[in-house]
Amino acid sequence: MVSASGEHLEKGASHEVLDVEKLSLLFELSRGFNALIELDELLPQVIASTKEVFQAESCALLLFDEERHELHFPVTSDVSPEMEERLREIRFPADRGIVGWVVTHGIPALVMDVTQDARFYPEVDRLTGLHTHDLICVPLRTKRRITGALGLRNKLVGTFTQEDLTVLDALAGPIAIAIENARLYQSVRLSEARLKMEVTALQRYVGGRRAYEAIIGTAPAMLRVFQLMESAIPSPITVLLQGETGTGKELIARAIHTQGPRKDKPFVAINCAALPETILQSELFGHKRGAFTGAVNDAPGLFEVANQGTLFLDEIGETSSALQQHLLRALEGEIRRVGETHVRRVNVRVISASNRDLAEEVRRHRFREDLYYRISVFPIRVPPLRERREDIPLLATHFLPQSNARLGKQVTGIAPEALDLLTRYPWPGNVRELRNEVERGVALASDGAAITPQHLSERILGQPSVHVPFASAPGPLKQARLAFEREYLAEALRRNEGNVARTAKLLGLSRQMLQKKIKEYGLRTK
């Protein structure tokens, strides 16, 4: 041990004998600490109990960060929130100060007056606004290492004694072991939690692979959608998918269901814009026999069909205010079939979608505010295709084998110049329009060949139809063909500001072939 002057004392040479009361207290504290296994519970208890027993102004437990070779305060007790925040931010080199000396040498220290001790590190006092007079500090040792230190500052009555140091040093052993056990327990818990997450993720991947495979995208905007989906999947929270028509909102809704806890229950989808209100109400909530003309039998609605599962309400913004009132009740788990008076209970997760800005619709009093806040607890914006152009080649090549199978064709791929045109097009119809365009290209291309610009729609090419006016009487066909080609090339060059390379790419020609035709037809370029 070390005295105030830093001189070493032999073990067992304490000048004071521990009384029975402190020995009893030491035993009770040790037993209590060993009963705690959670670090968040253990460390505050260590600090609070030690401070009370030794009647100190404060108690500090510092842990040694071996990787950074620093000391830090992992937890505090009986201090203001502001002081707690300051202490948690403080880290200092493990060889600084009296505490650093104790940790480095593994020897307890009793300091009667810190101003007279060359080892004192005043930076902590400066950062916290505290003022230290005297202190005692002991290392926290285990069989393998020193994990930190336990210190007391400013004795409330008198000053710290050698007996205080001896008791604190005896107490430090069980505390260090308890902390080490808690750390190991925490490590095992974290490993278990990580393993469970990995298993869950793998189960989701295997169980819902088809749903996710249908959602193609690596652009940042889509990665954000995937991140939000992962957060929404495990909970029963209502989700609102907002995005333009054709962006794949139903695929996202289906993936959320397929990978969630309701995956073994029904997924039911309905387009609210596709049916008249009276029929839509019957479809959603069911009807009683005789409720209206044609209701020859009792029939359950989709909320009952989807019980325990998921109901996807596409284009919910197209519903009337009256129907929205019924939907609000249904979201609370209560439905009533058309023509019935009694209420039925259902447990359905609702995922809604709209291509409208529903917040704006609420402001314009075209959508019920109470329903909006109920369905938009977890909103996900699905980006239009023009905001993730880097995904267009991926999507196009993904749709190619599907179109081949559907049309019985064997188109081999999509030419680079065609992909370039697809990537530059704004796609007002989004993914759905792109899929249709690829299918058109497959239908026009020959088996064993690739889709080239000549197989794409005129809106993709950006070229209007060129009508060559007839002369007073039609001439030879060859002459008409040459006149058409000349006008077509001239218009293509004009639209590309005379850029031969870009025009050749657009037309699916080599640069040399286009230059030959420019010369042949006497076309000038910039």
Protein backbone atom coordinates (compact mmCIF):
# COMPACT_ATOMS: atom_id res chain seq x y z
CA MET A 1 0.00 0.00 0.00
CA VAL A 2 0.96 3.67 -0.32
CA SER A 3 0.78 6.43 2.24
CA ALA A 4 0.13 10.11 1.54
CA SER A 5 3.80 10.57 0.69
CA GLY A 6 3.73 7.61 -1.69
CA GLU A 7 5.84 5.29 0.55
CA HIS A 8 5.01 1.58 0.27
CA LEU A 9 3.64 -0.31 3.29
CA GLU A 10 3.96 -4.03 3.68
CA LYS A 11 0.74 -6.08 3.57
CA GLY A 12 -0.65 -6.69 7.05
CA ALA A 13 1.18 -3.65 8.42
CA SER A 14 -1.97 -1.53 8.71
CA HIS A 15 -1.81 0.74 11.72
CA GLU A 16 -5.47 0.23 12.53
CA VAL A 17 -7.51 -2.89 13.15
CA LEU A 18 -10.75 -3.29 11.24
CA ASP A 19 -13.72 -3.29 13.60
CA VAL A 20 -16.48 -5.90 13.48
CA GLU A 21 -19.04 -3.43 12.10
CA LYS A 22 -16.97 -2.66 9.00
CA LEU A 23 -16.13 -6.33 8.44
CA SER A 24 -19.84 -7.16 8.56
CA LEU A 25 -20.57 -4.34 6.16
CA LEU A 26 -17.82 -5.51 3.83
CA PHE A 27 -19.33 -9.01 3.75
CA GLU A 28 -22.86 -7.75 3.05
CA LEU A 29 -21.70 -5.49 0.23
CA SER A 30 -19.66 -8.26 -1.38
CA ARG A 31 -22.58 -10.64 -1.27
CA GLY A 32 -24.91 -8.02 -2.69
CA PHE A 33 -22.56 -7.14 -5.56
CA ASN A 34 -22.11 -10.76 -6.53
CA ALA A 35 -25.89 -11.20 -6.75
CA LEU A 36 -26.08 -8.56 -9.51
CA ILE A 37 -25.32 -9.74 -13.02
CA GLU A 38 -26.39 -6.78 -15.18
CA LEU A 39 -23.74 -4.06 -15.51
CA ASP A 40 -26.40 -1.34 -15.62
CA GLU A 41 -27.64 -2.49 -12.21
CA LEU A 42 -24.28 -3.42 -10.69
CA LEU A 43 -22.20 -0.29 -11.29
CA PRO A 44 -24.64 2.30 -9.85
CA GLN A 45 -25.12 0.03 -6.82
CA VAL A 46 -21.35 -0.18 -6.31
CA ILE A 47 -20.99 3.60 -6.42
CA ALA A 48 -23.99 4.45 -4.24
CA SER A 49 -23.22 1.86 -1.55
CA THR A 50 -19.51 2.67 -1.38
CA LYS A 51 -20.14 6.39 -1.13
CA GLU A 52 -22.64 5.88 1.70
CA VAL A 53 -20.45 3.49 3.68
CA PHE A 54 -17.38 5.71 3.59
CA GLN A 55 -19.24 9.00 4.02
CA ALA A 56 -17.55 10.59 1.00
CA GLU A 57 -18.65 13.51 -1.11
CA SER A 58 -18.50 11.31 -4.18
CA CYS A 59 -17.46 7.89 -5.41
CA ALA A 60 -16.07 7.22 -8.87
CA LEU A 61 -15.64 3.95 -10.69
CA LEU A 62 -13.32 4.17 -13.68
CA LEU A 63 -12.78 1.40 -16.20
CA PHE A 64 -9.66 0.82 -18.24
CA ASP A 65 -10.10 0.84 -22.02
CA GLU A 66 -7.20 -1.39 -23.08
CA GLU A 67 -7.61 -0.69 -26.80
CA ARG A 68 -7.36 3.08 -26.42
CA HIS A 69 -5.26 2.97 -23.21
CA GLU A 70 -7.67 5.37 -21.53
CA LEU A 71 -9.70 5.62 -18.34
CA HIS A 72 -13.37 6.59 -18.44
CA PHE A 73 -16.46 6.84 -16.22
CA PRO A 74 -18.92 4.15 -17.42
CA VAL A 75 -21.65 5.19 -15.00
CA THR A 76 -22.28 7.78 -12.31
CA SER A 77 -24.55 8.05 -9.29
CA ASP A 78 -26.14 10.79 -7.19
CA VAL A 79 -25.09 13.61 -9.50
CA SER A 80 -27.06 16.06 -11.62
CA PRO A 81 -27.89 15.08 -15.22
CA GLU A 82 -25.53 17.82 -16.45
CA MET A 83 -22.67 16.50 -14.32
CA GLU A 84 -23.44 12.92 -15.38
CA GLU A 85 -23.20 13.96 -19.03
CA ARG A 86 -19.88 15.70 -18.43
CA LEU A 87 -18.38 12.74 -16.60
CA ARG A 88 -19.43 10.29 -19.33
CA GLU A 89 -17.66 12.40 -21.93
CA ILE A 90 -14.39 12.56 -19.99
CA ARG A 91 -11.66 10.17 -21.05
CA PHE A 92 -8.00 10.61 -20.13
CA PRO A 93 -4.74 8.69 -20.64
CA ALA A 94 -4.37 5.72 -18.31
CA ASP A 95 -0.96 6.90 -17.10
CA ARG A 96 -2.23 10.31 -15.91
CA GLY A 97 -3.27 11.32 -12.40
CA ILE A 98 -3.42 9.43 -9.14
CA VAL A 99 -6.03 7.04 -10.56
CA GLY A 100 -3.80 6.35 -13.56
CA TRP A 101 -0.88 5.65 -11.23
CA VAL A 102 -3.01 3.20 -9.21
CA VAL A 103 -4.14 1.36 -12.37
CA THR A 104 -0.64 1.30 -13.87
CA HIS A 105 1.10 0.08 -10.68
CA GLY A 106 -1.75 -1.95 -9.20
CA ILE A 107 -1.19 -0.34 -5.77
CA PRO A 108 -3.81 1.45 -3.58
CA ALA A 109 -3.21 5.12 -2.73
CA LEU A 110 -4.23 7.38 0.18
CA VAL A 111 -3.73 11.10 -0.49
CA MET A 112 -4.44 13.58 2.32
CA ASP A 113 -3.93 16.71 0.19
CA VAL A 114 -4.01 16.40 -3.59
CA THR A 115 -2.42 19.84 -4.07
CA GLN A 116 0.78 18.46 -2.55
CA ASP A 117 0.86 15.33 -4.75
CA ALA A 118 2.75 15.57 -8.04
CA ARG A 119 0.63 12.78 -9.53
CA PHE A 120 -2.63 14.77 -9.26
CA TYR A 121 -4.33 15.43 -12.61
CA PRO A 122 -6.45 18.60 -12.22
CA GLU A 123 -8.03 18.36 -15.69
CA VAL A 124 -10.98 16.29 -14.42
CA ASP A 125 -11.77 18.92 -11.76
CA ARG A 126 -11.51 21.63 -14.39
CA LEU A 127 -13.90 19.87 -16.77
CA THR A 128 -16.46 19.03 -14.08
CA GLY A 129 -16.20 22.12 -11.88
CA LEU A 130 -15.49 19.96 -8.84
CA HIS A 131 -12.77 20.63 -6.25
CA THR A 132 -10.88 17.66 -4.81
CA HIS A 133 -9.15 17.89 -1.38
CA ASP A 134 -8.35 14.33 -0.35
CA LEU A 135 -8.97 10.94 -1.88
CA ILE A 136 -8.40 7.22 -1.66
CA CYS A 137 -8.17 4.98 -4.70
CA VAL A 138 -7.75 1.23 -5.16
CA PRO A 139 -7.23 -0.94 -8.26
CA LEU A 140 -9.92 -3.34 -9.45
CA ARG A 141 -8.00 -6.57 -9.94
CA THR A 142 -9.01 -9.94 -11.34
CA LYS A 143 -6.79 -12.96 -11.89
CA ARG A 144 -6.16 -11.87 -15.47
CA ARG A 145 -5.78 -8.11 -15.30
CA ILE A 146 -6.53 -4.76 -13.70
CA THR A 147 -9.87 -3.61 -15.09
CA GLY A 148 -10.02 -0.14 -13.55
CA ALA A 149 -10.08 1.66 -10.24
CA LEU A 150 -12.48 2.63 -7.47
CA GLY A 151 -11.97 6.01 -5.83
CA LEU A 152 -13.50 8.15 -3.10
CA ARG A 153 -13.01 11.90 -2.84
CA ASN A 154 -13.50 14.44 -0.04
CA LYS A 155 -14.39 12.74 3.25
CA LEU A 156 -17.45 14.52 4.68
CA VAL A 157 -16.19 14.36 8.26
CA GLY A 158 -12.44 14.49 8.84
CA THR A 159 -10.10 12.91 6.29
CA PHE A 160 -9.67 9.42 4.89
CA THR A 161 -7.68 7.02 7.04
CA GLN A 162 -5.50 3.99 6.45
CA GLU A 163 -8.41 1.90 7.73
CA ASP A 164 -10.66 3.35 5.02
CA LEU A 165 -8.05 2.42 2.42
CA THR A 166 -7.73 -1.13 3.80
CA VAL A 167 -11.51 -1.68 3.77
CA LEU A 168 -11.89 -0.21 0.27
CA ASP A 169 -9.03 -2.40 -1.00
CA ALA A 170 -10.67 -5.48 0.50
CA LEU A 171 -13.97 -4.48 -1.07
CA ALA A 172 -12.36 -3.92 -4.49
CA GLY A 173 -11.65 -7.62 -5.02
CA PRO A 174 -15.29 -8.80 -4.97
CA ILE A 175 -16.32 -5.72 -6.92
CA ALA A 176 -13.76 -6.41 -9.66
CA ILE A 177 -14.88 -10.06 -9.90
CA ALA A 178 -18.55 -9.01 -10.01
CA ILE A 179 -17.81 -6.50 -12.79
CA GLU A 180 -15.86 -9.10 -14.75
CA ASN A 181 -18.72 -11.61 -14.41
CA ALA A 182 -21.23 -8.96 -15.47
CA ARG A 183 -19.09 -8.08 -18.48
CA LEU A 184 -18.85 -11.73 -19.51
CA TYR A 185 -22.60 -12.13 -19.03
CA GLN A 186 -23.22 -9.01 -21.12
CA SER A 187 -20.90 -10.31 -23.83
CA VAL A 188 -22.76 -13.62 -23.92
CA ARG A 189 -26.09 -11.79 -24.07
CA LEU A 190 -24.88 -9.61 -26.96
CA SER A 191 -23.56 -12.65 -28.82
CA GLU A 192 -26.88 -14.42 -28.27
CA ALA A 193 -28.81 -11.37 -29.49
CA ARG A 194 -26.61 -11.06 -32.58
CA LEU A 195 -27.05 -14.76 -33.31
CA LYS A 196 -30.83 -14.46 -32.97
CA MET A 197 -30.82 -11.47 -35.33
CA GLU A 198 -28.74 -13.40 -37.86
CA VAL A 199 -31.05 -16.41 -37.62
CA THR A 200 -34.11 -14.17 -37.97
CA ALA A 201 -32.57 -12.39 -40.95
CA LEU A 202 -31.75 -15.74 -42.57
CA GLN A 203 -35.28 -17.01 -41.95
CA ARG A 204 -36.68 -13.86 -43.49
CA TYR A 205 -34.36 -14.22 -46.45
CA VAL A 206 -35.29 -17.85 -47.05
CA GLY A 207 -38.99 -17.50 -46.22
CA GLY A 208 -39.59 -14.28 -48.11
CA ARG A 209 -37.02 -14.59 -50.87
CA ARG A 210 -39.58 -14.49 -53.68
CA ALA A 211 -41.15 -11.31 -52.34
CA TYR A 212 -37.82 -9.51 -52.11
CA GLU A 213 -36.54 -10.84 -55.42
CA ALA A 214 -39.39 -9.00 -57.13
CA ILE A 215 -38.16 -5.66 -55.73
CA ILE A 216 -35.08 -4.76 -57.74
CA GLY A 217 -32.94 -1.81 -56.69
CA THR A 218 -29.55 -0.71 -55.46
CA ALA A 219 -29.98 3.07 -55.76
CA PRO A 220 -29.74 5.07 -52.48
CA ALA A 221 -33.44 5.94 -52.69
CA MET A 222 -34.34 2.23 -52.80
CA LEU A 223 -31.89 1.28 -50.08
CA ARG A 224 -33.75 3.74 -47.85
CA VAL A 225 -37.01 1.96 -48.71
CA PHE A 226 -35.47 -1.42 -47.81
CA GLN A 227 -34.22 0.03 -44.50
CA LEU A 228 -37.70 1.31 -43.62
CA MET A 229 -39.25 -2.01 -44.64
CA GLU A 230 -36.92 -3.88 -42.27
CA SER A 231 -38.08 -1.62 -39.43
CA ALA A 232 -41.76 -2.11 -40.30
CA ILE A 233 -41.70 -5.88 -40.84
CA PRO A 234 -41.69 -7.21 -37.24
CA SER A 235 -44.36 -4.87 -35.82
CA PRO A 236 -48.13 -4.62 -36.39
CA ILE A 237 -47.80 -0.88 -37.15
CA THR A 238 -49.94 0.56 -39.96
CA VAL A 239 -47.86 1.46 -43.01
CA LEU A 240 -48.63 4.05 -45.69
CA LEU A 241 -46.85 3.61 -49.02
CA GLN A 242 -46.84 6.83 -51.02
CA GLY A 243 -45.59 7.01 -54.58
CA GLU A 244 -46.57 7.39 -58.20
CA THR A 245 -48.57 4.77 -60.07
CA GLY A 246 -46.43 1.86 -61.23
CA THR A 247 -43.65 2.18 -58.64
CA GLY A 248 -44.31 -1.27 -57.12
CA LYS A 249 -46.17 -0.36 -53.92
CA GLU A 250 -48.04 -3.68 -53.83
CA LEU A 251 -44.78 -5.63 -54.14
CA ILE A 252 -43.44 -3.76 -51.11
CA ALA A 253 -46.64 -4.39 -49.13
CA ARG A 254 -46.49 -8.09 -50.01
CA ALA A 255 -42.82 -8.30 -48.95
CA ILE A 256 -43.57 -6.65 -45.59
CA HIS A 257 -46.30 -9.25 -45.01
CA THR A 258 -44.33 -12.25 -46.32
CA GLN A 259 -41.37 -11.60 -44.04
CA GLY A 260 -43.35 -10.60 -40.96
CA PRO A 261 -44.97 -12.56 -38.13
CA ARG A 262 -48.25 -12.86 -40.12
CA LYS A 263 -46.58 -14.53 -43.12
CA ASP A 264 -48.56 -17.77 -42.62
CA LYS A 265 -51.86 -15.87 -42.68
CA PRO A 266 -53.67 -14.34 -45.69
CA PHE A 267 -52.42 -11.36 -47.67
CA VAL A 268 -55.39 -9.71 -49.37
CA ALA A 269 -55.14 -6.75 -51.76
CA ILE A 270 -57.81 -4.48 -53.19
CA ASN A 271 -57.67 -1.41 -55.43
CA CYS A 272 -60.06 1.09 -53.86
CA ALA A 273 -60.16 3.14 -57.08
CA ALA A 274 -61.37 0.24 -59.21
CA LEU A 275 -64.83 -0.24 -57.70
CA PRO A 276 -67.90 1.96 -57.11
CA GLU A 277 -68.38 2.91 -53.47
CA THR A 278 -71.37 0.64 -52.77
CA ILE A 279 -69.60 -2.42 -54.17
CA LEU A 280 -66.34 -1.47 -52.44
CA GLN A 281 -68.10 -1.25 -49.07
CA SER A 282 -69.57 -4.72 -49.56
CA GLU A 283 -66.18 -6.08 -50.71
CA LEU A 284 -64.40 -4.69 -47.66
CA PHE A 285 -66.93 -5.37 -44.90
CA GLY A 286 -69.19 -8.09 -46.33
CA HIS A 287 -72.97 -8.10 -46.53
CA LYS A 288 -76.05 -9.81 -45.20
CA ARG A 289 -78.38 -11.73 -47.46
CA GLY A 290 -80.99 -9.37 -48.89
CA ALA A 291 -79.03 -6.23 -47.97
CA PHE A 292 -79.26 -5.12 -51.60
CA THR A 293 -80.30 -6.42 -54.99
CA GLY A 294 -78.14 -9.40 -55.86
CA ALA A 295 -77.17 -10.20 -52.25
CA VAL A 296 -78.55 -13.72 -52.36
CA ASN A 297 -76.27 -15.04 -49.59
CA ASP A 298 -74.43 -13.83 -46.53
CA ALA A 299 -70.86 -12.97 -47.55
CA PRO A 300 -67.79 -12.06 -45.49
CA GLY A 301 -65.77 -9.02 -46.50
CA LEU A 302 -62.04 -8.77 -47.09
CA PHE A 303 -61.40 -7.62 -43.52
CA GLU A 304 -62.78 -10.97 -42.33
CA VAL A 305 -60.95 -12.90 -45.06
CA ALA A 306 -57.68 -11.23 -44.00
CA ASN A 307 -58.27 -11.81 -40.27
CA GLN A 308 -54.92 -12.42 -38.50
CA GLY A 309 -53.20 -11.48 -41.77
CA THR A 310 -52.66 -8.33 -43.83
CA LEU A 311 -55.04 -6.23 -45.92
CA PHE A 312 -53.50 -3.99 -48.58
CA LEU A 313 -55.70 -0.99 -49.46
CA ASP A 314 -54.31 0.38 -52.71
CA GLU A 315 -55.30 3.92 -53.75
CA ILE A 316 -57.02 4.59 -50.43
CA GLY A 317 -57.06 8.28 -51.33
CA GLU A 318 -59.87 7.57 -53.83
CA THR A 319 -62.38 6.54 -51.15
CA SER A 320 -65.30 8.72 -50.06
CA SER A 321 -65.62 10.40 -46.68
CA ALA A 322 -68.43 8.00 -45.70
CA LEU A 323 -66.34 4.94 -46.50
CA GLN A 324 -63.36 6.46 -44.71
CA GLN A 325 -65.46 6.57 -41.54
CA HIS A 326 -66.09 2.82 -41.84
CA LEU A 327 -62.38 2.24 -42.45
CA LEU A 328 -61.54 4.17 -39.30
CA ARG A 329 -63.72 1.81 -37.25
CA ALA A 330 -62.22 -1.20 -39.02
CA LEU A 331 -58.72 -0.05 -38.08
CA GLU A 332 -59.86 -0.21 -34.47
CA GLY A 333 -60.76 -3.87 -35.05
CA GLU A 334 -64.52 -3.47 -35.50
CA ILE A 335 -66.49 -4.09 -38.70
CA ARG A 336 -70.16 -4.41 -39.56
CA ARG A 337 -71.41 -6.17 -42.63
CA VAL A 338 -73.75 -4.22 -44.91
CA GLY A 339 -77.30 -4.87 -43.68
CA GLU A 340 -76.24 -6.09 -40.24
CA THR A 341 -76.51 -4.31 -36.89
CA HIS A 342 -74.05 -6.27 -34.78
CA VAL A 343 -70.30 -5.64 -34.73
CA ARG A 344 -67.69 -8.27 -35.58
CA ARG A 345 -64.14 -8.19 -34.22
CA VAL A 346 -61.15 -8.64 -36.56
CA ASN A 347 -57.39 -8.50 -36.14
CA VAL A 348 -55.92 -7.27 -39.40
CA ARG A 349 -52.71 -5.45 -40.21
CA VAL A 350 -53.54 -2.72 -42.71
CA ILE A 351 -51.04 -1.43 -45.26
CA SER A 352 -52.36 1.45 -47.36
CA ALA A 353 -51.06 3.05 -50.53
CA SER A 354 -51.80 6.19 -52.50
CA ASN A 355 -50.37 8.04 -55.47
CA ARG A 356 -51.74 11.26 -54.00
CA ASP A 357 -50.16 13.50 -51.38
CA LEU A 358 -52.61 12.60 -48.61
CA ALA A 359 -51.32 15.33 -46.30
CA GLU A 360 -52.27 17.87 -48.98
CA GLU A 361 -55.61 16.10 -49.45
CA VAL A 362 -56.27 16.55 -45.73
CA ARG A 363 -55.45 20.27 -45.97
CA ARG A 364 -57.90 20.57 -48.87
CA HIS A 365 -60.54 18.67 -46.83
CA ARG A 366 -60.67 15.85 -49.37
CA PHE A 367 -59.45 13.16 -46.97
CA ARG A 368 -60.40 12.63 -43.34
CA GLU A 369 -57.72 13.90 -40.99
CA ASP A 370 -58.40 11.25 -38.31
CA LEU A 371 -58.04 8.43 -40.83
CA TYR A 372 -54.89 9.96 -42.31
CA TYR A 373 -53.14 10.03 -38.93
CA ARG A 374 -54.30 6.47 -38.26
CA ILE A 375 -52.94 4.99 -41.52
CA SER A 376 -49.75 7.08 -41.77
CA VAL A 377 -48.13 6.00 -38.50
CA PHE A 378 -45.23 4.59 -40.54
CA PRO A 379 -44.98 6.28 -43.96
CA ILE A 380 -42.69 4.97 -46.69
CA ARG A 381 -42.13 7.03 -49.83
CA VAL A 382 -41.56 4.83 -52.87
CA PRO A 383 -39.38 6.80 -55.33
CA PRO A 384 -40.31 7.14 -59.01
CA LEU A 385 -38.06 5.41 -61.52
CA ARG A 386 -36.56 8.70 -62.73
CA GLU A 387 -35.08 9.21 -59.23
CA ARG A 388 -33.20 5.91 -59.40
CA ARG A 389 -32.01 5.69 -62.98
CA GLU A 390 -29.09 3.45 -62.00
CA ASP A 391 -31.67 0.70 -61.36
CA ILE A 392 -33.12 0.84 -64.89
CA PRO A 393 -30.55 -1.56 -66.50
CA LEU A 394 -31.06 -3.99 -63.59
CA LEU A 395 -34.84 -3.89 -63.97
CA ALA A 396 -34.75 -4.17 -67.75
CA THR A 397 -32.50 -7.24 -67.71
CA HIS A 398 -34.67 -8.69 -64.91
CA PHE A 399 -37.82 -8.36 -67.05
CA LEU A 400 -36.19 -9.85 -70.17
CA PRO A 401 -36.38 -13.59 -69.23
CA GLN A 402 -39.90 -13.07 -67.89
CA SER A 403 -41.00 -11.59 -71.23
CA ASN A 404 -39.21 -14.36 -73.13
CA ALA A 405 -41.09 -16.99 -71.15
CA ARG A 406 -44.42 -15.21 -71.53
CA LEU A 407 -44.06 -14.75 -75.31
CA GLY A 408 -42.21 -17.97 -76.06
CA LYS A 409 -39.20 -16.07 -77.42
CA GLN A 410 -35.43 -16.42 -77.07
CA VAL A 411 -34.19 -12.83 -77.19
CA THR A 412 -30.60 -12.85 -75.94
CA GLY A 413 -30.27 -9.44 -74.29
CA ILE A 414 -30.56 -5.67 -74.60
CA ALA A 415 -27.99 -3.79 -76.66
CA PRO A 416 -25.97 -1.11 -74.77
CA GLU A 417 -27.35 1.70 -76.96
CA ALA A 418 -30.89 0.52 -76.19
CA LEU A 419 -30.12 0.42 -72.44
CA ASP A 420 -28.74 3.94 -72.72
CA LEU A 421 -32.00 5.14 -74.25
CA LEU A 422 -34.02 3.36 -71.57
CA THR A 423 -31.91 4.95 -68.84
CA ARG A 424 -32.40 8.47 -70.21
CA TYR A 425 -36.18 8.21 -70.60
CA PRO A 426 -38.19 9.81 -67.70
CA TRP A 427 -40.67 6.89 -67.30
CA PRO A 428 -43.89 8.62 -66.26
CA GLY A 429 -45.42 5.14 -65.92
CA ASN A 430 -42.49 3.99 -63.76
CA VAL A 431 -41.54 0.31 -63.38
CA ARG A 432 -44.78 -0.91 -64.94
CA GLU A 433 -44.11 1.12 -68.10
CA LEU A 434 -40.53 -0.19 -68.27
CA ARG A 435 -41.73 -3.80 -68.00
CA ASN A 436 -44.20 -3.21 -70.84
CA GLU A 437 -41.48 -1.60 -72.98
CA VAL A 438 -39.16 -4.58 -72.50
CA GLU A 439 -41.99 -6.93 -73.44
CA ARG A 440 -42.62 -4.89 -76.59
CA GLY A 441 -38.94 -5.13 -77.47
CA VAL A 442 -38.98 -8.89 -76.97
CA ALA A 443 -42.03 -9.19 -79.22
CA LEU A 444 -40.30 -7.24 -82.02
CA ALA A 445 -36.78 -8.68 -81.75
CA SER A 446 -35.80 -11.93 -83.46
CA ASP A 447 -34.90 -15.09 -81.59
CA GLY A 448 -31.17 -15.24 -80.96
CA ALA A 449 -30.83 -11.45 -81.29
CA ALA A 450 -30.80 -8.58 -78.79
CA ILE A 451 -33.22 -5.69 -78.34
CA THR A 452 -31.80 -2.66 -80.20
CA PRO A 453 -33.10 0.93 -80.47
CA GLN A 454 -35.18 0.00 -83.53
CA HIS A 455 -37.29 -2.25 -81.30
CA LEU A 456 -38.13 0.53 -78.83
CA SER A 457 -41.19 2.76 -78.82
CA GLU A 458 -41.03 6.11 -80.51
CA ARG A 459 -41.51 7.87 -77.20
CA ILE A 460 -38.29 6.23 -76.01
CA LEU A 461 -36.40 7.16 -79.14
CA GLY A 462 -37.65 10.72 -78.84
CA GLN A 463 -38.23 10.91 -82.59
CA PRO A 464 -41.59 11.94 -84.07
CA SER A 465 -42.92 10.08 -87.07
CA VAL A 466 -41.46 11.63 -90.20
CA HIS A 467 -44.05 12.04 -92.92
CA VAL A 468 -42.54 12.62 -96.38
CA PRO A 469 -45.16 14.50 -98.42
CA PHE A 470 -45.99 12.94 -101.73
CA ALA A 471 -45.33 14.85 -104.88
CA SER A 472 -48.28 15.50 -107.16
CA ALA A 473 -47.95 11.86 -108.17
CA PRO A 474 -46.10 9.09 -106.29
CA GLY A 475 -42.69 8.21 -107.71
CA PRO A 476 -40.60 5.05 -107.52
CA LEU A 477 -40.52 3.32 -104.11
CA LYS A 478 -36.72 3.46 -103.97
CA GLN A 479 -36.80 7.23 -104.36
CA ALA A 480 -39.37 7.57 -101.55
CA ARG A 481 -37.29 5.35 -99.25
CA LEU A 482 -34.15 7.40 -99.87
CA ALA A 483 -36.05 10.66 -99.26
CA PHE A 484 -37.46 9.28 -96.00
CA GLU A 485 -34.05 8.13 -94.79
CA ARG A 486 -32.46 11.50 -95.60
CA GLU A 487 -35.15 13.42 -93.69
CA TYR A 488 -34.99 11.00 -90.77
CA LEU A 489 -31.21 11.31 -90.46
CA ALA A 490 -31.37 15.10 -90.78
CA GLU A 491 -33.96 15.32 -87.97
CA ALA A 492 -31.93 12.95 -85.75
CA LEU A 493 -28.77 15.04 -86.25
CA ARG A 494 -30.66 18.25 -85.54
CA ARG A 495 -32.05 16.90 -82.27
CA ASN A 496 -28.57 15.83 -81.19
CA GLU A 497 -27.05 19.20 -82.23
CA GLY A 498 -24.97 17.55 -84.95
CA ASN A 499 -23.23 15.16 -82.55
CA VAL A 500 -22.39 12.19 -84.80
CA ALA A 501 -21.44 9.76 -82.03
CA ARG A 502 -24.62 10.40 -80.03
CA THR A 503 -26.83 10.23 -83.14
CA ALA A 504 -25.21 6.97 -84.27
CA LYS A 505 -25.83 5.47 -80.83
CA LEU A 506 -29.46 6.59 -80.94
CA LEU A 507 -30.03 5.10 -84.40
CA GLY A 508 -28.20 1.85 -83.71
CA LEU A 509 -25.55 2.55 -86.37
CA SER A 510 -21.79 2.58 -86.22
CA ARG A 511 -20.17 6.00 -86.38
CA GLN A 512 -18.49 5.11 -89.68
CA MET A 513 -21.81 4.07 -91.26
CA LEU A 514 -23.52 7.29 -90.16
CA GLN A 515 -20.66 9.42 -91.52
CA LYS A 516 -20.94 7.57 -94.84
CA LYS A 517 -24.67 8.34 -95.02
CA ILE A 518 -24.09 12.00 -94.05
CA LYS A 519 -21.69 12.30 -96.93
CA GLU A 520 -24.02 10.38 -99.28
CA TYR A 521 -27.00 12.62 -98.51
CA GLY A 522 -25.00 15.84 -98.33
CA LEU A 523 -25.92 16.51 -94.69
CA ARG A 524 -23.74 19.00 -92.86
CA THR A 525 -22.95 18.74 -89.15
CA LYS A 526 -21.58 21.30 -86.71
